Amino acid sequence: MTAATDERYVVTRTIAATPAEIFAVLAEPTRHQDTEPGDWVRDAIDTDRVTAPGQMFAINMYLEQAGGHYVLHNLVTEFDEDRTIAWLPGQLDESGTHSPGGWWWRYDLAPNGAGTDVTLTYDWSGTVQEFRDTVGVPVFGDDFIAASLATLERTVSK
């Protein structure tokens, strides 16, 4: 299932794994590169498992439109073990304060028979116009979100 609005993609895929198996991948910053179909997400700078809202983890990223290599600092906004995890990507300013970019990611997991319905939401509604114009937000279509869930499924099945 795919739902797109002007500023949000919501895609659901049933994965033949338990919520705990899927959540184990999503809560490990070192495995985030295993959840996207390209090479945009590189590697984790912060390797501690996500365990609570308010935690932050940094990831090396690469996107030509954003100038190549950059680091995203992801502030965990929701954490409900084996059910929901969400984060708000951004940058740290000189004082170490998180400045969100205006987009967020959220995974919701719901048991469904022998599998789990995984709903991935990507919302860029808070992104400022200047950034949208420079980088081209969103930088991908909802097909990327569907491919991301397929990649997550392959990762969990390994």
Protein backbone atom coordinates (compact mmCIF):
# COMPACT_ATOMS: atom_id res chain seq x y z
CA MET A 1 0.00 0.00 0.00
CA THR A 2 1.26 3.47 -0.88
CA ALA A 3 -0.23 6.81 0.05
CA ALA A 4 1.31 10.06 -1.10
CA THR A 5 0.36 13.60 -0.24
CA ASP A 6 2.08 16.75 -1.33
CA GLU A 7 4.53 16.50 1.55
CA ARG A 8 4.44 12.93 2.87
CA TYR A 9 4.86 9.38 1.63
CA VAL A 10 3.37 6.48 3.57
CA VAL A 11 4.12 2.96 2.37
CA THR A 12 3.19 -0.35 4.02
CA ARG A 13 4.69 -3.75 3.28
CA THR A 14 4.08 -7.07 5.00
CA ILE A 15 7.39 -8.68 5.93
CA ALA A 16 7.65 -12.35 6.91
CA ALA A 17 9.41 -11.67 10.21
CA THR A 18 8.45 -10.77 13.76
CA PRO A 19 8.25 -7.15 14.90
CA ALA A 20 11.24 -7.85 17.20
CA GLU A 21 13.39 -9.08 14.28
CA ILE A 22 12.55 -6.01 12.20
CA PHE A 23 12.91 -3.57 15.08
CA ALA A 24 16.34 -5.03 15.87
CA VAL A 25 17.55 -3.77 12.47
CA LEU A 26 15.88 -0.35 12.75
CA ALA A 27 17.25 0.34 16.24
CA GLU A 28 20.87 -0.33 15.17
CA PRO A 29 22.43 2.72 13.48
CA THR A 30 25.12 0.44 12.03
CA ARG A 31 22.40 -1.35 10.04
CA HIS A 32 20.70 1.70 8.52
CA GLN A 33 22.71 1.35 5.33
CA ASP A 34 21.03 -2.07 5.04
CA THR A 35 17.59 -0.44 4.90
CA GLU A 36 17.90 1.71 1.80
CA PRO A 37 18.17 0.61 -1.81
CA GLY A 38 21.01 2.91 -2.89
CA ASP A 39 24.21 4.24 -1.40
CA TRP A 40 22.84 7.43 0.13
CA VAL A 41 23.19 6.15 3.71
CA ARG A 42 26.85 5.31 4.27
CA ASP A 43 27.87 4.26 7.77
CA ALA A 44 27.08 5.02 11.38
CA ILE A 45 29.24 7.41 13.37
CA ASP A 46 27.32 6.60 16.56
CA THR A 47 27.05 2.85 16.90
CA ASP A 48 25.08 2.49 20.13
CA ARG A 49 21.70 0.84 19.76
CA VAL A 50 18.76 3.23 19.95
CA THR A 51 16.93 2.63 23.22
CA ALA A 52 14.81 5.72 23.96
CA PRO A 53 13.34 8.94 22.62
CA GLY A 54 15.73 11.86 22.96
CA GLN A 55 18.73 9.77 21.93
CA MET A 56 20.73 11.01 18.97
CA PHE A 57 22.73 9.05 16.41
CA ALA A 58 24.90 10.37 13.60
CA ILE A 59 25.19 8.82 10.15
CA ASN A 60 27.56 9.55 7.26
CA MET A 61 25.50 10.32 4.17
CA TYR A 62 26.16 11.10 0.51
CA LEU A 63 23.93 12.95 -1.93
CA GLU A 64 25.17 14.91 -4.94
CA GLN A 65 22.38 17.51 -4.64
CA ALA A 66 23.46 18.20 -1.04
CA GLY A 67 27.08 18.75 -1.99
CA GLY A 68 28.30 15.16 -1.64
CA HIS A 69 29.32 13.86 1.79
CA TYR A 70 27.56 15.17 4.89
CA VAL A 71 26.64 14.01 8.38
CA LEU A 72 23.08 13.78 9.66
CA HIS A 73 22.38 13.88 13.37
CA ASN A 74 19.13 12.02 13.95
CA LEU A 75 17.11 12.87 17.05
CA VAL A 76 14.90 9.95 18.09
CA THR A 77 11.41 11.36 18.60
CA GLU A 78 9.46 8.16 19.18
CA PHE A 79 10.53 4.81 20.54
CA ASP A 80 8.18 2.00 21.48
CA GLU A 81 10.15 -1.28 21.43
CA ASP A 82 9.03 -3.57 18.61
CA ARG A 83 6.25 -1.14 17.56
CA THR A 84 7.42 2.36 16.60
CA ILE A 85 10.65 4.20 15.97
CA ALA A 86 10.96 7.69 14.48
CA TRP A 87 13.68 10.28 14.11
CA LEU A 88 14.18 13.86 13.04
CA PRO A 89 17.34 14.36 10.94
CA GLY A 90 19.30 17.57 11.29
CA GLN A 91 22.62 19.22 11.93
CA LEU A 92 24.34 20.29 15.12
CA ASP A 93 25.13 23.98 15.45
CA GLU A 94 28.32 25.36 17.00
CA SER A 95 26.93 24.88 20.52
CA GLY A 96 25.89 21.27 19.82
CA THR A 97 22.18 22.07 19.58
CA HIS A 98 20.22 19.95 17.12
CA SER A 99 18.78 21.95 14.22
CA PRO A 100 16.23 19.81 12.36
CA GLY A 101 16.14 19.83 8.58
CA GLY A 102 12.35 19.77 8.46
CA TRP A 103 11.77 16.14 7.51
CA TRP A 104 11.30 12.98 9.55
CA TRP A 105 11.19 9.20 9.25
CA ARG A 106 8.87 6.85 11.13
CA TYR A 107 8.44 3.07 11.13
CA ASP A 108 5.31 1.50 12.62
CA LEU A 109 5.22 -2.29 13.09
CA ALA A 110 2.05 -4.32 13.53
CA PRO A 111 1.85 -8.12 13.75
CA ASN A 112 -0.07 -9.63 10.85
CA GLY A 113 -0.42 -13.41 10.91
CA ALA A 114 3.01 -14.95 10.35
CA GLY A 115 4.52 -11.56 9.49
CA THR A 116 4.56 -7.89 10.31
CA ASP A 117 3.00 -4.93 8.54
CA VAL A 118 5.74 -2.30 8.36
CA THR A 119 4.56 1.21 7.60
CA LEU A 120 7.27 3.68 6.66
CA THR A 121 6.39 7.37 6.71
CA TYR A 122 8.66 10.03 5.23
CA ASP A 123 7.40 13.57 5.85
CA TRP A 124 9.15 16.69 4.58
CA SER A 125 6.43 19.23 5.44
CA GLY A 126 8.72 21.24 7.74
CA THR A 127 11.50 21.72 5.18
CA VAL A 128 12.19 25.37 4.37
CA GLN A 129 11.71 26.56 0.80
CA GLU A 130 15.36 27.55 0.28
CA PHE A 131 16.48 24.00 1.06
CA ARG A 132 13.73 22.57 -1.15
CA ASP A 133 14.90 24.74 -4.03
CA THR A 134 18.58 23.91 -3.53
CA VAL A 135 18.38 20.16 -2.97
CA GLY A 136 15.06 19.37 -4.64
CA VAL A 137 12.94 18.05 -1.80
CA PRO A 138 11.78 15.40 -1.89
CA VAL A 139 14.90 13.96 -3.48
CA PHE A 140 13.10 10.72 -4.39
CA GLY A 141 9.64 9.39 -5.13
CA ASP A 142 7.44 7.02 -3.15
CA ASP A 143 8.95 4.20 -5.21
CA PHE A 144 12.16 4.76 -3.21
CA ILE A 145 10.21 4.22 0.03
CA ALA A 146 8.72 0.99 -1.34
CA ALA A 147 12.22 -0.13 -2.42
CA SER A 148 13.53 0.75 1.03
CA LEU A 149 10.99 -1.58 2.64
CA ALA A 150 11.95 -4.32 0.17
CA THR A 151 15.59 -3.80 1.15
CA LEU A 152 14.64 -3.99 4.83
CA GLU A 153 12.84 -7.26 4.13
CA ARG A 154 15.92 -8.74 2.43
CA THR A 155 18.08 -7.61 5.33
CA VAL A 156 15.80 -9.15 7.96
CA SER A 157 15.60 -12.39 5.95
CA LYS A 158 19.38 -12.90 5.90
